[in-house]
Protein backbone atom coordinates (compact mmCIF):
# COMPACT_ATOMS: atom_id res chain seq x y z
CA MET A 1 61.64 50.94 155.78
CA SER A 2 59.78 51.64 158.85
CA HIS A 3 58.28 48.24 158.62
CA SER A 4 58.19 48.45 161.52
CA HIS A 5 55.59 46.14 160.12
CA ALA A 6 57.12 45.83 163.37
CA HIS A 7 56.07 49.20 164.67
CA GLY A 8 55.81 47.73 168.10
CA HIS A 9 53.61 50.47 169.39
CA HIS A 10 50.19 49.84 167.91
CA HIS A 11 47.57 49.23 170.54
CA HIS A 12 44.35 47.82 169.26
CA GLY A 13 42.14 44.81 169.49
CA HIS A 14 42.23 42.21 166.78
CA GLY A 15 38.73 41.44 165.67
CA HIS A 16 38.80 38.82 162.98
CA GLN A 17 35.84 39.41 160.74
CA HIS A 18 35.90 38.13 157.23
CA GLY A 19 34.38 40.96 155.23
CA PRO A 20 37.07 43.50 156.15
CA HIS A 21 39.78 40.92 155.62
CA GLU A 22 39.00 40.55 151.93
CA GLN A 23 38.57 44.30 151.72
CA SER A 24 41.96 44.99 153.27
CA GLU A 25 43.51 42.45 150.94
CA SER A 26 42.08 44.20 147.90
CA ASN A 27 43.16 47.61 149.28
CA LEU A 28 46.71 46.35 149.69
CA ARG A 29 46.62 44.75 146.26
CA LEU A 30 45.46 47.97 144.63
CA ALA A 31 48.06 50.06 146.49
CA PHE A 32 50.72 47.55 145.45
CA PHE A 33 49.96 47.71 141.73
CA LEU A 34 49.53 51.49 141.81
CA ASN A 35 52.92 51.81 143.46
CA LEU A 36 54.66 49.27 141.25
CA GLY A 37 53.56 50.90 138.03
CA PHE A 38 54.51 54.27 139.41
CA THR A 39 57.96 53.14 140.62
CA LEU A 40 58.85 51.95 137.12
CA PHE A 41 57.56 55.23 135.69
CA GLU A 42 59.78 57.25 138.06
CA LEU A 43 62.89 55.20 137.39
CA VAL A 44 62.54 56.18 133.74
CA GLY A 45 61.63 59.73 134.74
CA GLY A 46 64.62 60.05 137.07
CA LEU A 47 67.00 58.98 134.33
CA TYR A 48 65.32 61.27 131.82
CA THR A 49 65.37 64.36 134.06
CA ASN A 50 68.91 63.50 135.26
CA SER A 51 67.73 63.88 138.85
CA VAL A 52 69.20 61.83 141.70
CA ALA A 53 66.43 63.14 143.98
CA ILE A 54 63.81 61.49 141.77
CA LEU A 55 65.88 58.30 141.65
CA SER A 56 66.18 58.17 145.44
CA ASP A 57 62.46 58.75 145.77
CA ALA A 58 62.03 55.89 143.31
CA LEU A 59 64.09 53.70 145.64
CA HIS A 60 61.98 54.77 148.59
CA ASP A 61 58.86 53.88 146.65
CA LEU A 62 60.35 50.60 145.49
CA GLY A 63 60.96 49.61 149.11
CA ASP A 64 57.41 50.48 150.00
CA CYS A 65 56.22 48.69 146.93
CA VAL A 66 57.96 45.46 147.87
CA SER A 67 56.67 45.71 151.40
CA LEU A 68 53.20 46.39 150.09
CA GLY A 69 53.40 43.27 147.97
CA LEU A 70 54.67 41.40 150.98
CA SER A 71 51.88 42.71 153.25
CA TRP A 72 49.31 41.76 150.67
CA TYR A 73 50.79 38.29 150.24
CA LEU A 74 51.12 37.78 153.99
CA GLN A 75 47.62 39.05 154.60
CA ARG A 76 46.67 36.01 152.52
CA VAL A 77 49.20 33.61 154.04
CA SER A 78 48.27 34.55 157.60
CA LYS A 79 44.77 33.24 156.85
CA ARG A 80 46.25 29.77 156.49
CA GLY A 81 46.32 29.50 160.24
CA ARG A 82 48.45 26.86 161.92
CA ASP A 83 49.68 23.58 160.62
CA ALA A 84 51.94 20.81 161.83
CA THR A 85 55.07 22.55 160.57
CA PHE A 86 54.27 26.04 161.89
CA SER A 87 52.28 25.44 165.04
CA TYR A 88 52.06 29.17 165.71
CA GLY A 89 50.81 29.92 162.22
CA TYR A 90 52.53 32.01 159.57
CA ARG A 91 52.64 35.45 161.18
CA ARG A 92 56.40 35.50 161.56
CA PHE A 93 56.91 35.32 157.82
CA SER A 94 56.21 39.04 157.66
CA LEU A 95 59.30 39.65 159.80
CA LEU A 96 61.47 37.66 157.49
CA GLY A 97 60.12 39.72 154.62
CA ALA A 98 60.78 42.96 156.48
CA VAL A 99 64.40 41.96 157.10
CA ILE A 100 64.96 41.04 153.45
CA ILE A 101 63.45 44.31 152.21
CA SER A 102 65.53 46.24 154.73
CA LEU A 103 68.71 44.74 153.35
CA VAL A 104 67.68 45.57 149.78
CA LEU A 105 67.02 49.16 150.83
CA VAL A 106 70.39 49.48 152.55
CA VAL A 107 72.14 48.48 149.33
CA GLY A 108 69.98 50.87 147.30
CA SER A 109 70.60 53.80 149.65
CA VAL A 110 74.34 53.25 149.60
CA ILE A 111 74.30 53.25 145.78
CA ILE A 112 72.30 56.49 145.80
CA LEU A 113 74.69 58.15 148.25
CA PHE A 114 77.60 57.18 145.98
CA GLU A 115 75.75 58.82 143.09
CA ALA A 116 74.63 61.92 144.99
CA ILE A 117 77.70 62.87 147.02
CA PRO A 118 79.98 63.58 144.01
CA ARG A 119 77.15 65.74 142.61
CA LEU A 120 77.21 67.89 145.72
CA LEU A 121 80.73 68.89 144.65
CA ASN A 122 79.89 69.55 141.01
CA PRO A 123 76.10 69.61 140.54
CA GLU A 124 74.69 68.66 137.15
CA PRO A 125 71.58 70.66 136.36
CA PRO A 126 68.51 68.39 136.21
CA LYS A 127 65.51 69.10 133.97
CA ALA A 128 63.44 70.91 136.58
CA GLY A 129 60.29 71.10 134.46
CA GLY A 130 60.13 67.32 134.09
CA MET A 131 60.83 66.93 137.81
CA ILE A 132 57.87 69.16 138.68
CA VAL A 133 55.56 66.98 136.57
CA LEU A 134 56.91 63.76 138.12
CA ALA A 135 56.60 65.16 141.64
CA ILE A 136 52.99 66.20 141.09
CA VAL A 137 52.15 62.73 139.79
CA GLY A 138 54.02 61.29 142.79
CA VAL A 139 51.95 63.26 145.28
CA LEU A 140 48.72 62.30 143.50
CA VAL A 141 49.46 58.57 143.15
CA ASN A 142 50.65 58.11 146.73
CA GLY A 143 47.90 60.38 148.01
CA ALA A 144 45.32 58.20 146.26
CA ALA A 145 46.79 55.06 147.83
CA VAL A 146 46.79 56.65 151.31
CA PHE A 147 43.18 57.67 150.83
CA ARG A 148 42.30 54.15 149.75
CA LEU A 149 43.94 52.65 152.85
CA SER A 150 42.81 55.30 155.31
CA LYS A 151 39.65 53.32 156.06
CA GLY A 152 41.75 50.22 156.73
CA GLU A 153 41.76 48.57 160.11
CA SER A 154 44.39 45.84 159.88
CA LEU A 155 47.85 46.35 161.31
CA ASN A 156 49.30 45.79 157.86
CA GLU A 157 47.16 48.50 156.36
CA ARG A 158 48.09 50.95 159.08
CA ALA A 159 51.79 50.30 158.65
CA VAL A 160 51.48 50.61 154.89
CA LYS A 161 49.51 53.84 155.19
CA LEU A 162 52.35 55.36 157.22
CA HIS A 163 54.78 54.45 154.47
CA LEU A 164 52.66 55.95 151.77
CA LEU A 165 52.32 59.14 153.81
CA GLU A 166 56.12 59.27 154.01
CA ASP A 167 56.18 58.90 150.23
CA VAL A 168 53.78 61.81 149.84
CA LEU A 169 56.06 63.95 152.03
CA GLY A 170 59.12 62.84 150.03
CA TRP A 171 57.41 63.91 146.83
CA LEU A 172 56.31 67.24 148.30
CA ALA A 173 59.97 67.88 149.16
CA VAL A 174 61.01 67.04 145.59
CA LEU A 175 58.21 69.24 144.26
CA ALA A 176 59.36 72.21 146.35
CA GLY A 177 62.98 71.60 145.31
CA SER A 178 62.18 71.29 141.62
CA ILE A 179 60.06 74.47 141.62
CA LEU A 180 62.99 76.35 143.20
CA MET A 181 65.40 74.89 140.64
CA TYR A 182 63.01 75.83 137.84
CA PHE A 183 63.14 79.50 138.78
CA PHE A 184 66.62 79.77 140.26
CA ASP A 185 69.96 78.29 139.31
CA LEU A 186 70.32 75.95 142.28
CA PRO A 187 71.31 72.56 140.87
CA ILE A 188 72.79 71.55 144.25
CA LEU A 189 69.26 71.17 145.65
CA ASP A 190 68.85 67.95 143.69
CA PRO A 191 71.68 65.95 145.32
CA LEU A 192 70.85 67.55 148.69
CA LEU A 193 67.28 66.25 148.50
CA SER A 194 68.63 62.91 147.39
CA VAL A 195 71.02 62.57 150.34
CA GLY A 196 68.21 63.61 152.68
CA ILE A 197 65.88 60.92 151.32
CA ALA A 198 68.60 58.24 151.39
CA LEU A 199 69.47 59.04 155.03
CA PHE A 200 65.80 58.99 155.92
CA ILE A 201 65.45 55.53 154.34
CA LEU A 202 68.52 54.29 156.21
CA PHE A 203 67.20 55.61 159.51
CA ASN A 204 63.90 53.83 158.98
CA VAL A 205 65.67 50.64 157.96
CA TYR A 206 67.75 50.78 161.12
CA ARG A 207 64.65 51.24 163.26
CA ASN A 208 62.95 48.42 161.47
CA LEU A 209 65.79 45.98 161.68
CA ARG A 210 66.14 46.77 165.35
CA ASP A 211 62.46 46.01 165.93
CA SER A 212 62.55 42.88 163.78
CA PHE A 213 65.62 41.47 165.50
CA ARG A 214 64.13 42.19 168.91
CA ILE A 215 61.19 40.03 167.89
CA PHE A 216 63.35 37.31 166.31
CA LEU A 217 65.41 37.13 169.50
CA GLN A 218 62.18 36.79 171.47
CA ALA A 219 62.63 39.96 173.47
CA THR A 220 59.73 40.96 175.67
CA PRO A 221 57.31 43.01 173.53
CA THR A 222 57.81 46.76 174.02
CA ASN A 223 54.17 47.19 175.00
CA VAL A 224 54.22 44.48 177.70
CA ASP A 225 55.55 45.37 181.14
CA ILE A 226 56.53 41.99 182.51
CA ASP A 227 57.48 43.17 186.00
CA ALA A 228 54.19 44.97 186.46
CA LEU A 229 52.33 41.85 185.29
CA ARG A 230 54.29 39.64 187.67
CA GLU A 231 53.33 42.02 190.48
CA GLN A 232 49.66 41.96 189.50
CA ILE A 233 49.56 38.17 189.26
CA GLN A 234 51.30 37.90 192.61
CA ASN A 235 48.50 40.00 194.09
CA VAL A 236 45.76 37.64 192.90
CA GLU A 237 44.24 35.99 195.96
CA SER A 238 45.71 32.53 196.83
CA VAL A 239 48.66 32.89 194.47
CA GLN A 240 51.74 32.18 196.55
CA GLU A 241 54.48 32.57 194.05
CA VAL A 242 54.92 33.42 190.39
CA HIS A 243 57.85 32.03 188.46
CA ASP A 244 58.85 31.22 184.93
CA ILE A 245 56.98 34.11 183.32
CA HIS A 246 57.82 34.65 179.65
CA ALA A 247 56.41 36.99 177.04
CA TRP A 248 57.36 37.27 173.40
CA SER A 249 55.79 38.38 170.17
CA LEU A 250 55.19 36.55 166.93
CA ASP A 251 55.23 39.58 164.65
CA GLY A 252 55.02 42.71 166.79
CA ALA A 253 51.24 42.56 166.97
CA TYR A 254 50.47 39.07 168.27
CA ASN A 255 51.89 38.66 171.78
CA ILE A 256 52.23 35.42 173.74
CA LEU A 257 52.75 34.89 177.46
CA THR A 258 53.29 31.82 179.63
CA VAL A 259 53.41 31.80 183.42
CA HIS A 260 53.68 29.29 186.30
CA LEU A 261 51.86 29.93 189.58
CA LYS A 262 52.23 28.20 192.91
CA VAL A 263 49.18 27.70 195.12
CA ASN A 264 48.75 26.31 198.62
CA ASP A 265 48.46 22.50 198.95
CA ALA A 266 44.93 22.70 200.34
CA THR A 267 43.63 24.32 197.13
CA THR A 268 40.97 22.21 195.46
CA PHE A 269 40.89 21.63 191.72
CA GLU A 270 37.89 23.97 191.35
CA GLU A 271 39.70 26.71 193.23
CA SER A 272 42.78 26.40 191.08
CA VAL A 273 40.60 26.66 187.97
CA GLN A 274 39.13 29.87 189.39
CA ILE A 275 42.58 31.24 190.14
CA ARG A 276 43.71 30.44 186.62
CA ASN A 277 40.67 32.19 185.16
CA ARG A 278 41.28 35.26 187.32
CA VAL A 279 44.86 35.46 186.13
CA LYS A 280 43.80 35.00 182.50
CA GLN A 281 41.20 37.75 182.87
CA LEU A 282 43.85 40.04 184.28
CA LEU A 283 46.20 39.32 181.39
CA LYS A 284 43.50 39.77 178.78
CA ASP A 285 43.68 43.55 179.16
CA ALA A 286 47.47 43.62 178.77
CA ASP A 287 47.66 43.39 174.97
CA LEU A 288 48.39 39.66 175.03
CA GLN A 289 46.74 37.50 172.40
CA HIS A 290 47.76 34.05 173.61
CA VAL A 291 48.14 33.21 177.30
CA THR A 292 49.07 29.92 178.98
CA VAL A 293 48.78 29.67 182.77
CA GLU A 294 50.17 26.69 184.66
CA VAL A 295 49.09 26.15 188.27
CA GLU A 296 51.16 23.98 190.64
CA LYS A 297 50.70 22.88 194.24
CA GLU A 298 53.25 24.04 196.74
CA SER A 299 54.62 20.58 197.47
CA GLU A 300 55.05 19.77 193.77
CA THR A 301 58.66 20.40 193.00
CA CYS A 302 58.94 21.94 189.63
CA ASP A 303 61.58 19.66 188.22
CA LEU A 304 62.17 21.58 185.03
CA GLN A 305 65.54 23.27 185.20
CA HIS A 306 64.20 26.61 184.16
CA CYS A 307 61.65 26.94 186.95
């Protein structure tokens, strides 16, 4: 699942208006129920048409369906804001969800590969006519969900839209394959498509887990260049030294940075406030949503071990 809800490469501002929030929640909810109903329909259809390709597409959709449900739920949870237990709020819950879904998808893909690989050796002919019908419905249902989310602004909606687009492509592949099988005796196309879809899911899961674990392990966000920032802060007038600079991300979209600056002993309180504001202004443009700047005098020894 490319959840990359952790797709670390989205650049955009986060305006928090309330109208769109409810709207994006209802978009996600609609997409979720559309997808859920459809996933159940294709599981039955895959068994009926004896097609592993349809079953692996069903798995792909199931993954997206769970992540849709998760995005929709988290879109609601993230509104809770912070509390005493989770002082940073609930954004990280989406990561936990992404990891759980990823593991479910790994298991599913392995099962599908076990089903599909023996069929490469002796293909069983699927009911191509039924597959064509299912694939057309697949393209339409996922296409409708993409269209519904295409106006969406939230990070969740964008990530989900990418998934649904992948689903549309998966179904177009199945459609092409089933039309070929309808007219020609090529039963091997079915397991081939299936293996292709399963490998695609596994690749996405790998990418996603990698991104999620980077964030869990508090790696510097991929879109934050910490050395360049250190350099820029160092160049702010009156800043003598920059140390203890840390950046991490809550969920791949909400980035946090803390930094300690040293200033000359003669600096007045007002001047140090100005310096702090200059540094904050500079960091505002760097895709950081939460910045803490600590200013120290030169003669103050920073007694924390990590300084």
